[in-house]
């Protein structure tokens, strides 16, 4: 696989939108790459549905293509699953990708994407924590917020060939390979899996019958953005995966845990891969998750690699 730096420098020589009963659709749509000659056509679709929980919609997403000044095209896809409010997820939607691609701290995304993403995730989290500590200068946080957090799963698709996925929390990215097999690219950051690290920071993990394991009896994940009151015991350090998807991969599914709680990776891929329209595939996945009893907010993005 050519390095990201090599691909950046390479010249381009060839030049249901419907709601299921009792849920409210909070976003649905689709888009496509410019598909310059010699580049792979890529389409995407997304569908977000508010769940039946005692709060408003807390999920946010990003799904877009950007043409960079150097001629490269990046697809930017993300799901942010907020908790205790949507402020942190909203801030991530507005700032995280810019912090990754415009890193001024010495890590160039094109030469060292893993380190650049880690720096950007940490820097973004520090800014969030300053805002929840009372710095209300207006960069997306509501005045007076002192709690709340969000997962993040981000995917950057470069010229339809290289895919860079990162995540904190339990929102998930799953790739369908050329043979139709599902492969999870993200890591579910579960409290039990990271118990030793949590306890080393002075925290604890509870296991109460009838409930999921939680950090300090509160948070059902070991890594997240925000969550100022728990920050000493949890991390915002992302796992990062880089994939060459230029040779047969069919599609990518990004979704919040409202989908993954009731559907396996392979089941999601099997539902989506037979539907050519990416938005309709996202609708199908969300509808199926609701049919299976998911009550949480559900955000789903399907990226088809034609």
C-alpha atoms as a PDB file:
ATOM      1  CA  UNK A   1       0.000   0.000   0.000  1.00  0.00           C
ATOM      2  CA  UNK A   2       1.354   3.413  -0.911  1.00  0.00           C
ATOM      3  CA  UNK A   3       1.879   5.734   2.053  1.00  0.00           C
ATOM      4  CA  UNK A   4      -0.551   8.584   2.621  1.00  0.00           C
ATOM      5  CA  UNK A   5       2.278  11.000   1.834  1.00  0.00           C
ATOM      6  CA  UNK A   6       2.908   9.291  -1.499  1.00  0.00           C
ATOM      7  CA  UNK A   7      -0.762   9.329  -2.357  1.00  0.00           C
ATOM      8  CA  UNK A   8      -1.046  12.971  -1.403  1.00  0.00           C
ATOM      9  CA  UNK A   9       1.823  13.831  -3.742  1.00  0.00           C
ATOM     10  CA  UNK A  10       0.669  11.600  -6.573  1.00  0.00           C
ATOM     11  CA  UNK A  11      -0.657  13.628  -9.486  1.00  0.00           C
ATOM     12  CA  UNK A  12      -4.153  12.963 -10.701  1.00  0.00           C
ATOM     13  CA  UNK A  13      -3.063  12.023 -14.202  1.00  0.00           C
ATOM     14  CA  UNK A  14      -6.555  11.201 -15.397  1.00  0.00           C
ATOM     15  CA  UNK A  15      -7.143  14.411 -14.456  1.00  0.00           C
ATOM     16  CA  UNK A  16     -37.257   5.254   4.563  1.00  0.00           C
ATOM     17  CA  UNK A  17     -36.837   8.695   4.646  1.00  0.00           C
ATOM     18  CA  UNK A  18     -39.545   7.706   7.090  1.00  0.00           C
ATOM     19  CA  UNK A  19     -39.918   7.328  10.831  1.00  0.00           C
ATOM     20  CA  UNK A  20     -40.816   4.118  12.566  1.00  0.00           C
ATOM     21  CA  UNK A  21     -43.847   4.498  14.841  1.00  0.00           C
ATOM     22  CA  UNK A  22     -43.061   6.329  18.094  1.00  0.00           C
ATOM     23  CA  UNK A  23     -39.648   7.531  16.885  1.00  0.00           C
ATOM     24  CA  UNK A  24     -38.781  10.913  15.374  1.00  0.00           C
ATOM     25  CA  UNK A  25     -36.400  11.162  12.427  1.00  0.00           C
ATOM     26  CA  UNK A  26     -33.786  13.815  13.184  1.00  0.00           C
ATOM     27  CA  UNK A  27     -31.792  13.532   9.983  1.00  0.00           C
ATOM     28  CA  UNK A  28     -31.692  11.620   6.726  1.00  0.00           C
ATOM     29  CA  UNK A  29     -29.879  12.207   3.469  1.00  0.00           C
ATOM     30  CA  UNK A  30     -27.237  11.124   1.002  1.00  0.00           C
ATOM     31  CA  UNK A  31     -24.347  12.360  -1.095  1.00  0.00           C
ATOM     32  CA  UNK A  32     -21.525  11.264  -3.388  1.00  0.00           C
ATOM     33  CA  UNK A  33     -17.943  11.963  -4.291  1.00  0.00           C
ATOM     34  CA  UNK A  34     -17.080  14.028  -7.322  1.00  0.00           C
ATOM     35  CA  UNK A  35     -15.711  10.832  -8.876  1.00  0.00           C
ATOM     36  CA  UNK A  36     -12.913  12.467 -10.845  1.00  0.00           C
ATOM     37  CA  UNK A  37     -11.668  10.388 -13.787  1.00  0.00           C
ATOM     38  CA  UNK A  38      -9.611   7.475 -12.538  1.00  0.00           C
ATOM     39  CA  UNK A  39     -11.016   7.665  -9.024  1.00  0.00           C
ATOM     40  CA  UNK A  40     -13.436   5.327  -7.390  1.00  0.00           C
ATOM     41  CA  UNK A  41     -17.054   6.408  -7.130  1.00  0.00           C
ATOM     42  CA  UNK A  42     -18.212   6.628  -3.520  1.00  0.00           C
ATOM     43  CA  UNK A  43     -21.716   7.322  -2.235  1.00  0.00           C
ATOM     44  CA  UNK A  44     -23.011   7.714   1.282  1.00  0.00           C
ATOM     45  CA  UNK A  45     -26.335   7.821   3.063  1.00  0.00           C
ATOM     46  CA  UNK A  46     -27.303   8.551   6.651  1.00  0.00           C
ATOM     47  CA  UNK A  47     -30.351   8.174   8.861  1.00  0.00           C
ATOM     48  CA  UNK A  48     -30.803   9.308  12.471  1.00  0.00           C
ATOM     49  CA  UNK A  49     -33.793   8.474  14.660  1.00  0.00           C
ATOM     50  CA  UNK A  50     -34.553   9.729  18.144  1.00  0.00           C
ATOM     51  CA  UNK A  51     -35.173   6.906  20.577  1.00  0.00           C
ATOM     52  CA  UNK A  52     -37.706   6.381  23.319  1.00  0.00           C
ATOM     53  CA  UNK A  53     -35.503   7.529  26.173  1.00  0.00           C
ATOM     54  CA  UNK A  54     -36.452  10.342  28.598  1.00  0.00           C
ATOM     55  CA  UNK A  55     -34.309  12.960  26.840  1.00  0.00           C
ATOM     56  CA  UNK A  56     -34.074  14.645  23.469  1.00  0.00           C
ATOM     57  CA  UNK A  57     -31.911  13.511  20.567  1.00  0.00           C
ATOM     58  CA  UNK A  58     -28.274  13.396  21.704  1.00  0.00           C
ATOM     59  CA  UNK A  59     -26.602  11.874  18.620  1.00  0.00           C
ATOM     60  CA  UNK A  60     -24.810  14.008  16.047  1.00  0.00           C
ATOM     61  CA  UNK A  61     -23.103  13.063  12.776  1.00  0.00           C
ATOM     62  CA  UNK A  62     -20.889  14.274   9.931  1.00  0.00           C
ATOM     63  CA  UNK A  63     -21.161  13.001   6.342  1.00  0.00           C
ATOM     64  CA  UNK A  64     -19.570  15.059   3.586  1.00  0.00           C
ATOM     65  CA  UNK A  65     -16.834  15.260   0.963  1.00  0.00           C
ATOM     66  CA  UNK A  66     -14.242  18.018   0.867  1.00  0.00           C
ATOM     67  CA  UNK A  67     -12.013  18.912  -2.051  1.00  0.00           C
ATOM     68  CA  UNK A  68      -8.679  20.062  -0.635  1.00  0.00           C
ATOM     69  CA  UNK A  69      -6.527  22.796  -2.127  1.00  0.00           C
ATOM     70  CA  UNK A  70      -3.961  20.254  -3.330  1.00  0.00           C
ATOM     71  CA  UNK A  71      -6.574  18.365  -5.387  1.00  0.00           C
ATOM     72  CA  UNK A  72      -7.102  15.499  -2.959  1.00  0.00           C
ATOM     73  CA  UNK A  73     -10.640  14.637  -1.941  1.00  0.00           C
ATOM     74  CA  UNK A  74     -11.515  13.436   1.548  1.00  0.00           C
ATOM     75  CA  UNK A  75     -14.753  11.888   2.686  1.00  0.00           C
ATOM     76  CA  UNK A  76     -15.461  12.812   6.300  1.00  0.00           C
ATOM     77  CA  UNK A  77     -17.828  10.555   8.216  1.00  0.00           C
ATOM     78  CA  UNK A  78     -18.515  10.446  11.944  1.00  0.00           C
ATOM     79  CA  UNK A  79     -21.038   9.481  14.585  1.00  0.00           C
ATOM     80  CA  UNK A  80     -21.023  11.188  17.981  1.00  0.00           C
ATOM     81  CA  UNK A  81     -23.267   9.638  20.648  1.00  0.00           C
ATOM     82  CA  UNK A  82     -23.793  12.196  23.395  1.00  0.00           C
ATOM     83  CA  UNK A  83     -24.843  11.489  26.958  1.00  0.00           C
ATOM     84  CA  UNK A  84     -26.184  13.828  29.649  1.00  0.00           C
ATOM     85  CA  UNK A  85     -26.973  16.257  26.871  1.00  0.00           C
ATOM     86  CA  UNK A  86     -25.924  16.868  23.279  1.00  0.00           C
ATOM     87  CA  UNK A  87     -23.499  19.760  23.804  1.00  0.00           C
ATOM     88  CA  UNK A  88     -20.297  17.711  23.622  1.00  0.00           C
ATOM     89  CA  UNK A  89     -21.477  15.791  20.555  1.00  0.00           C
ATOM     90  CA  UNK A  90     -22.412  19.076  18.871  1.00  0.00           C
ATOM     91  CA  UNK A  91     -18.982  20.560  19.616  1.00  0.00           C
ATOM     92  CA  UNK A  92     -17.269  17.491  18.152  1.00  0.00           C
ATOM     93  CA  UNK A  93     -19.374  17.726  14.999  1.00  0.00           C
ATOM     94  CA  UNK A  94     -18.275  21.320  14.520  1.00  0.00           C
ATOM     95  CA  UNK A  95     -14.586  21.060  15.404  1.00  0.00           C
ATOM     96  CA  UNK A  96     -13.030  17.584  15.478  1.00  0.00           C
ATOM     97  CA  UNK A  97     -12.326  17.061  11.757  1.00  0.00           C
ATOM     98  CA  UNK A  98     -10.880  20.548  11.390  1.00  0.00           C
ATOM     99  CA  UNK A  99      -8.580  19.846  14.327  1.00  0.00           C
ATOM    100  CA  UNK A 100      -7.416  16.621  12.657  1.00  0.00           C
ATOM    101  CA  UNK A 101      -6.807  18.025   9.179  1.00  0.00           C
ATOM    102  CA  UNK A 102      -5.418  21.390  10.270  1.00  0.00           C
ATOM    103  CA  UNK A 103      -3.124  20.201  13.011  1.00  0.00           C
ATOM    104  CA  UNK A 104      -0.618  22.924  13.884  1.00  0.00           C
ATOM    105  CA  UNK A 105       1.109  21.027  16.689  1.00  0.00           C
ATOM    106  CA  UNK A 106       3.753  19.279  14.616  1.00  0.00           C
ATOM    107  CA  UNK A 107       1.944  16.103  13.553  1.00  0.00           C
ATOM    108  CA  UNK A 108       1.063  16.172   9.862  1.00  0.00           C
ATOM    109  CA  UNK A 109      -1.980  14.045   9.033  1.00  0.00           C
ATOM    110  CA  UNK A 110      -0.477  13.102   5.677  1.00  0.00           C
ATOM    111  CA  UNK A 111       2.824  11.801   7.039  1.00  0.00           C
ATOM    112  CA  UNK A 112       1.723  10.394  10.406  1.00  0.00           C
ATOM    113  CA  UNK A 113      -2.078  10.103  10.521  1.00  0.00           C
ATOM    114  CA  UNK A 114      -2.160   8.012  13.694  1.00  0.00           C
ATOM    115  CA  UNK A 115      -0.216  10.530  15.756  1.00  0.00           C
ATOM    116  CA  UNK A 116      -2.027  13.493  14.189  1.00  0.00           C
ATOM    117  CA  UNK A 117      -5.417  12.015  15.094  1.00  0.00           C
ATOM    118  CA  UNK A 118      -4.339  11.237  18.645  1.00  0.00           C
ATOM    119  CA  UNK A 119      -3.087  14.772  19.118  1.00  0.00           C
ATOM    120  CA  UNK A 120      -6.270  16.207  17.648  1.00  0.00           C
ATOM    121  CA  UNK A 121      -8.519  14.040  19.832  1.00  0.00           C
ATOM    122  CA  UNK A 122      -6.605  15.053  22.965  1.00  0.00           C
ATOM    123  CA  UNK A 123      -6.488  18.736  22.015  1.00  0.00           C
ATOM    124  CA  UNK A 124     -10.213  18.776  21.271  1.00  0.00           C
ATOM    125  CA  UNK A 125     -10.985  17.131  24.599  1.00  0.00           C
ATOM    126  CA  UNK A 126      -8.843  19.676  26.475  1.00  0.00           C
ATOM    127  CA  UNK A 127     -10.781  22.508  24.846  1.00  0.00           C
ATOM    128  CA  UNK A 128     -14.052  20.843  25.791  1.00  0.00           C
ATOM    129  CA  UNK A 129     -12.968  20.463  29.401  1.00  0.00           C
ATOM    130  CA  UNK A 130     -11.991  24.129  29.583  1.00  0.00           C
ATOM    131  CA  UNK A 131     -15.439  25.068  28.353  1.00  0.00           C
ATOM    132  CA  UNK A 132     -17.228  22.856  30.855  1.00  0.00           C
ATOM    133  CA  UNK A 133     -14.991  24.417  33.520  1.00  0.00           C
ATOM    134  CA  UNK A 134     -16.496  27.821  32.749  1.00  0.00           C
ATOM    135  CA  UNK A 135     -14.720  29.214  29.685  1.00  0.00           C
ATOM    136  CA  UNK A 136     -17.885  30.234  27.812  1.00  0.00           C
ATOM    137  CA  UNK A 137     -16.279  31.992  24.847  1.00  0.00           C
ATOM    138  CA  UNK A 138     -18.861  30.663  22.446  1.00  0.00           C
ATOM    139  CA  UNK A 139     -17.205  27.805  20.542  1.00  0.00           C
ATOM    140  CA  UNK A 140     -20.260  25.609  20.579  1.00  0.00           C
ATOM    141  CA  UNK A 141     -20.883  24.968  24.300  1.00  0.00           C
ATOM    142  CA  UNK A 142     -23.902  26.344  26.087  1.00  0.00           C
ATOM    143  CA  UNK A 143     -23.119  28.621  28.978  1.00  0.00           C
ATOM    144  CA  UNK A 144     -23.235  26.911  32.327  1.00  0.00           C
ATOM    145  CA  UNK A 145     -22.752  23.307  31.173  1.00  0.00           C
ATOM    146  CA  UNK A 146     -20.702  21.304  33.670  1.00  0.00           C
ATOM    147  CA  UNK A 147     -21.446  17.720  32.655  1.00  0.00           C
ATOM    148  CA  UNK A 148     -22.039  15.531  29.667  1.00  0.00           C
ATOM    149  CA  UNK A 149     -19.836  13.694  27.209  1.00  0.00           C
ATOM    150  CA  UNK A 150     -19.815  11.826  23.937  1.00  0.00           C
ATOM    151  CA  UNK A 151     -18.389   8.893  22.085  1.00  0.00           C
ATOM    152  CA  UNK A 152     -16.782   9.429  18.687  1.00  0.00           C
ATOM    153  CA  UNK A 153     -16.105   7.255  15.690  1.00  0.00           C
ATOM    154  CA  UNK A 154     -14.504   9.081  12.767  1.00  0.00           C
ATOM    155  CA  UNK A 155     -13.606   7.860   9.294  1.00  0.00           C
ATOM    156  CA  UNK A 156     -11.554   9.764   6.727  1.00  0.00           C
ATOM    157  CA  UNK A 157     -11.642   8.321   3.201  1.00  0.00           C
ATOM    158  CA  UNK A 158      -8.852   9.647   0.994  1.00  0.00           C
ATOM    159  CA  UNK A 159      -9.483   9.637  -2.756  1.00  0.00           C
ATOM    160  CA  UNK A 160     -11.608   6.512  -2.350  1.00  0.00           C
ATOM    161  CA  UNK A 161      -8.499   4.449  -1.564  1.00  0.00           C
ATOM    162  CA  UNK A 162      -7.254   4.876   2.008  1.00  0.00           C
ATOM    163  CA  UNK A 163      -9.508   4.771   5.043  1.00  0.00           C
ATOM    164  CA  UNK A 164      -8.429   6.113   8.434  1.00  0.00           C
ATOM    165  CA  UNK A 165     -10.769   5.182  11.293  1.00  0.00           C
ATOM    166  CA  UNK A 166     -10.482   6.329  14.906  1.00  0.00           C
ATOM    167  CA  UNK A 167     -12.752   6.038  17.901  1.00  0.00           C
ATOM    168  CA  UNK A 168     -13.327   6.519  21.609  1.00  0.00           C
ATOM    169  CA  UNK A 169     -16.277   4.856  23.312  1.00  0.00           C
ATOM    170  CA  UNK A 170     -18.675   2.310  21.861  1.00  0.00           C
ATOM    171  CA  UNK A 171     -19.864   3.817  18.591  1.00  0.00           C
ATOM    172  CA  UNK A 172     -18.568   1.503  15.929  1.00  0.00           C
ATOM    173  CA  UNK A 173     -17.144   1.305  12.389  1.00  0.00           C
ATOM    174  CA  UNK A 174     -17.569  -1.962  10.466  1.00  0.00           C
ATOM    175  CA  UNK A 175     -16.120  -2.677   7.027  1.00  0.00           C
ATOM    176  CA  UNK A 176     -17.581  -5.147   4.536  1.00  0.00           C
ATOM    177  CA  UNK A 177     -14.737  -6.732   2.581  1.00  0.00           C
ATOM    178  CA  UNK A 178     -14.781  -8.099  -0.957  1.00  0.00           C
ATOM    179  CA  UNK A 179     -16.152 -11.432   0.225  1.00  0.00           C
ATOM    180  CA  UNK A 180     -19.029  -9.925   2.178  1.00  0.00           C
ATOM    181  CA  UNK A 181     -17.367 -10.508   5.555  1.00  0.00           C
ATOM    182  CA  UNK A 182     -17.815  -7.934   8.307  1.00  0.00           C
ATOM    183  CA  UNK A 183     -14.686  -6.629   9.995  1.00  0.00           C
ATOM    184  CA  UNK A 184     -14.821  -4.224  12.905  1.00  0.00           C
ATOM    185  CA  UNK A 185     -12.271  -1.407  12.549  1.00  0.00           C
ATOM    186  CA  UNK A 186     -13.072   0.380  15.804  1.00  0.00           C
ATOM    187  CA  UNK A 187     -12.621  -0.858  19.379  1.00  0.00           C
ATOM    188  CA  UNK A 188     -15.437  -0.967  21.943  1.00  0.00           C
ATOM    189  CA  UNK A 189     -13.960   0.713  25.008  1.00  0.00           C
ATOM    190  CA  UNK A 190     -15.727  -1.240  27.729  1.00  0.00           C
ATOM    191  CA  UNK A 191     -15.059  -0.673  31.456  1.00  0.00           C
ATOM    192  CA  UNK A 192     -14.249  -4.326  32.184  1.00  0.00           C
ATOM    193  CA  UNK A 193     -11.723  -4.481  29.359  1.00  0.00           C
ATOM    194  CA  UNK A 194      -9.908  -1.422  30.768  1.00  0.00           C
ATOM    195  CA  UNK A 195     -10.491  -2.059  34.443  1.00  0.00           C
ATOM    196  CA  UNK A 196      -6.783  -2.166  35.296  1.00  0.00           C
ATOM    197  CA  UNK A 197      -6.131   1.243  33.708  1.00  0.00           C
ATOM    198  CA  UNK A 198      -9.201   2.765  35.378  1.00  0.00           C
ATOM    199  CA  UNK A 199      -8.168   1.491  38.791  1.00  0.00           C
ATOM    200  CA  UNK A 200      -4.597   2.687  38.240  1.00  0.00           C
ATOM    201  CA  UNK A 201      -6.017   6.201  37.805  1.00  0.00           C
ATOM    202  CA  UNK A 202      -7.931   5.927  41.074  1.00  0.00           C
ATOM    203  CA  UNK A 203     -11.314   4.916  39.691  1.00  0.00           C
ATOM    204  CA  UNK A 204     -13.398   1.765  40.005  1.00  0.00           C
ATOM    205  CA  UNK A 205     -15.731  -0.364  37.911  1.00  0.00           C
ATOM    206  CA  UNK A 206     -19.108  -1.501  39.222  1.00  0.00           C
ATOM    207  CA  UNK A 207     -20.859  -4.704  38.189  1.00  0.00           C
ATOM    208  CA  UNK A 208     -24.442  -4.539  39.392  1.00  0.00           C
ATOM    209  CA  UNK A 209     -26.909  -7.267  38.475  1.00  0.00           C
ATOM    210  CA  UNK A 210     -29.278  -6.047  35.786  1.00  0.00           C
ATOM    211  CA  UNK A 211     -26.987  -3.210  34.674  1.00  0.00           C
ATOM    212  CA  UNK A 212     -23.932  -2.881  32.460  1.00  0.00           C
ATOM    213  CA  UNK A 213     -20.489  -2.384  34.053  1.00  0.00           C
ATOM    214  CA  UNK A 214     -19.823   1.303  34.727  1.00  0.00           C
ATOM    215  CA  UNK A 215     -16.855   3.516  35.604  1.00  0.00           C
ATOM    216  CA  UNK A 216     -17.382   4.937  39.105  1.00  0.00           C
ATOM    217  CA  UNK A 217     -20.954   3.546  38.940  1.00  0.00           C
ATOM    218  CA  UNK A 218     -21.756   6.157  36.284  1.00  0.00           C
ATOM    219  CA  UNK A 219     -20.327   5.790  32.777  1.00  0.00           C
ATOM    220  CA  UNK A 220     -20.858   2.657  30.672  1.00  0.00           C
ATOM    221  CA  UNK A 221     -17.640   3.153  28.694  1.00  0.00           C
ATOM    222  CA  UNK A 222     -13.975   3.560  29.559  1.00  0.00           C
ATOM    223  CA  UNK A 223     -13.159   6.307  27.047  1.00  0.00           C
ATOM    224  CA  UNK A 224     -15.121   9.387  26.041  1.00  0.00           C
ATOM    225  CA  UNK A 225     -14.890  13.067  25.236  1.00  0.00           C
ATOM    226  CA  UNK A 226     -15.978  15.427  27.998  1.00  0.00           C
ATOM    227  CA  UNK A 227     -17.287  13.925  31.257  1.00  0.00           C
ATOM    228  CA  UNK A 228     -15.268  16.400  33.269  1.00  0.00           C
ATOM    229  CA  UNK A 229     -16.227  14.904  36.638  1.00  0.00           C
ATOM    230  CA  UNK A 230     -14.819  11.506  35.574  1.00  0.00           C
ATOM    231  CA  UNK A 231     -11.865  12.652  33.496  1.00  0.00           C
ATOM    232  CA  UNK A 232      -9.227  11.552  35.983  1.00  0.00           C
ATOM    233  CA  UNK A 233     -10.454   7.973  35.572  1.00  0.00           C
ATOM    234  CA  UNK A 234     -11.303   7.748  31.852  1.00  0.00           C
ATOM    235  CA  UNK A 235      -9.404   8.460  28.641  1.00  0.00           C
ATOM    236  CA  UNK A 236      -9.971  10.233  25.341  1.00  0.00           C
ATOM    237  CA  UNK A 237      -7.115   8.344  23.681  1.00  0.00           C
ATOM    238  CA  UNK A 238      -8.384   6.924  20.360  1.00  0.00           C
ATOM    239  CA  UNK A 239      -7.715   3.603  18.732  1.00  0.00           C
ATOM    240  CA  UNK A 240      -6.709   4.204  15.099  1.00  0.00           C
ATOM    241  CA  UNK A 241      -6.862   1.833  12.116  1.00  0.00           C
ATOM    242  CA  UNK A 242      -5.635   2.488   8.562  1.00  0.00           C
ATOM    243  CA  UNK A 243      -7.021   0.395   5.713  1.00  0.00           C
ATOM    244  CA  UNK A 244      -6.421   0.203   1.977  1.00  0.00           C
ATOM    245  CA  UNK A 245      -9.965  -0.135   0.637  1.00  0.00           C
ATOM    246  CA  UNK A 246      -9.079   0.278  -3.018  1.00  0.00           C
ATOM    247  CA  UNK A 247      -9.210  -3.434  -3.796  1.00  0.00           C
ATOM    248  CA  UNK A 248     -12.729  -4.729  -3.433  1.00  0.00           C
ATOM    249  CA  UNK A 249     -14.112  -3.532  -0.099  1.00  0.00           C
ATOM    250  CA  UNK A 250     -17.861  -3.014  -0.545  1.00  0.00           C
ATOM    251  CA  UNK A 251     -19.067  -0.679   2.155  1.00  0.00           C
ATOM    252  CA  UNK A 252     -18.531   0.866   5.560  1.00  0.00           C
ATOM    253  CA  UNK A 253     -21.123   1.168   8.319  1.00  0.00           C
ATOM    254  CA  UNK A 254     -20.742   3.702  11.138  1.00  0.00           C
ATOM    255  CA  UNK A 255     -23.378   3.680  13.877  1.00  0.00           C
ATOM    256  CA  UNK A 256     -24.048   4.510  17.500  1.00  0.00           C
ATOM    257  CA  UNK A 257     -24.615   1.737  20.008  1.00  0.00           C
ATOM    258  CA  UNK A 258     -28.386   2.022  19.611  1.00  0.00           C
ATOM    259  CA  UNK A 259     -27.855  -0.167  16.554  1.00  0.00           C
ATOM    260  CA  UNK A 260     -25.049  -2.419  17.807  1.00  0.00           C
ATOM    261  CA  UNK A 261     -26.887  -3.368  21.002  1.00  0.00           C
ATOM    262  CA  UNK A 262     -29.359  -5.372  18.916  1.00  0.00           C
ATOM    263  CA  UNK A 263     -27.431  -6.271  15.763  1.00  0.00           C
ATOM    264  CA  UNK A 264     -24.141  -8.037  15.132  1.00  0.00           C
ATOM    265  CA  UNK A 265     -21.511  -6.706  12.746  1.00  0.00           C
ATOM    266  CA  UNK A 266     -22.277  -9.397  10.182  1.00  0.00           C
ATOM    267  CA  UNK A 267     -26.027  -8.894  10.446  1.00  0.00           C
ATOM    268  CA  UNK A 268     -25.587  -5.180   9.744  1.00  0.00           C
ATOM    269  CA  UNK A 269     -23.391  -5.839   6.714  1.00  0.00           C
ATOM    270  CA  UNK A 270     -25.793  -8.461   5.373  1.00  0.00           C
ATOM    271  CA  UNK A 271     -28.731  -6.046   5.683  1.00  0.00           C
ATOM    272  CA  UNK A 272     -26.897  -3.212   3.949  1.00  0.00           C
ATOM    273  CA  UNK A 273     -24.907  -4.813   1.147  1.00  0.00           C
ATOM    274  CA  UNK A 274     -27.848  -5.789  -1.043  1.00  0.00           C
ATOM    275  CA  UNK A 275     -29.182  -2.227  -1.209  1.00  0.00           C
ATOM    276  CA  UNK A 276     -27.544  -0.037  -3.858  1.00  0.00           C
ATOM    277  CA  UNK A 277     -28.832   3.278  -2.503  1.00  0.00           C
ATOM    278  CA  UNK A 278     -26.725   4.096   0.559  1.00  0.00           C
ATOM    279  CA  UNK A 279     -29.437   6.163   2.261  1.00  0.00           C
ATOM    280  CA  UNK A 280     -31.970   3.386   1.857  1.00  0.00           C
ATOM    281  CA  UNK A 281     -29.429   0.989   3.350  1.00  0.00           C
ATOM    282  CA  UNK A 282     -29.017   3.262   6.376  1.00  0.00           C
ATOM    283  CA  UNK A 283     -32.797   3.487   6.744  1.00  0.00           C
ATOM    284  CA  UNK A 284     -33.069  -0.305   6.563  1.00  0.00           C
ATOM    285  CA  UNK A 285     -30.508  -0.748   9.330  1.00  0.00           C
ATOM    286  CA  UNK A 286     -32.159   1.786  11.626  1.00  0.00           C
ATOM    287  CA  UNK A 287     -35.630   0.366  11.005  1.00  0.00           C
ATOM    288  CA  UNK A 288     -34.388  -3.151  11.733  1.00  0.00           C
ATOM    289  CA  UNK A 289     -32.739  -2.029  14.983  1.00  0.00           C
ATOM    290  CA  UNK A 290     -35.988  -0.410  16.104  1.00  0.00           C
ATOM    291  CA  UNK A 291     -37.942  -3.522  15.111  1.00  0.00           C
ATOM    292  CA  UNK A 292     -35.603  -5.553  17.315  1.00  0.00           C
ATOM    293  CA  UNK A 293     -36.443  -3.381  20.287  1.00  0.00           C
ATOM    294  CA  UNK A 294     -33.717  -0.721  20.438  1.00  0.00           C
ATOM    295  CA  UNK A 295     -35.000   2.257  22.446  1.00  0.00           C
ATOM    296  CA  UNK A 296     -31.841   4.380  22.250  1.00  0.00           C
ATOM    297  CA  UNK A 297     -31.094   7.141  19.749  1.00  0.00           C
ATOM    298  CA  UNK A 298     -29.736   5.562  16.576  1.00  0.00           C
ATOM    299  CA  UNK A 299     -27.391   7.191  14.081  1.00  0.00           C
ATOM    300  CA  UNK A 300     -26.234   5.265  11.039  1.00  0.00           C
ATOM    301  CA  UNK A 301     -24.036   6.140   8.061  1.00  0.00           C
ATOM    302  CA  UNK A 302     -23.485   3.749   5.162  1.00  0.00           C
ATOM    303  CA  UNK A 303     -20.613   4.472   2.757  1.00  0.00           C
ATOM    304  CA  UNK A 304     -20.729   2.446  -0.466  1.00  0.00           C
ATOM    305  CA  UNK A 305     -17.394   1.852  -2.205  1.00  0.00           C
ATOM    306  CA  UNK A 306     -18.527   1.190  -5.771  1.00  0.00           C
END
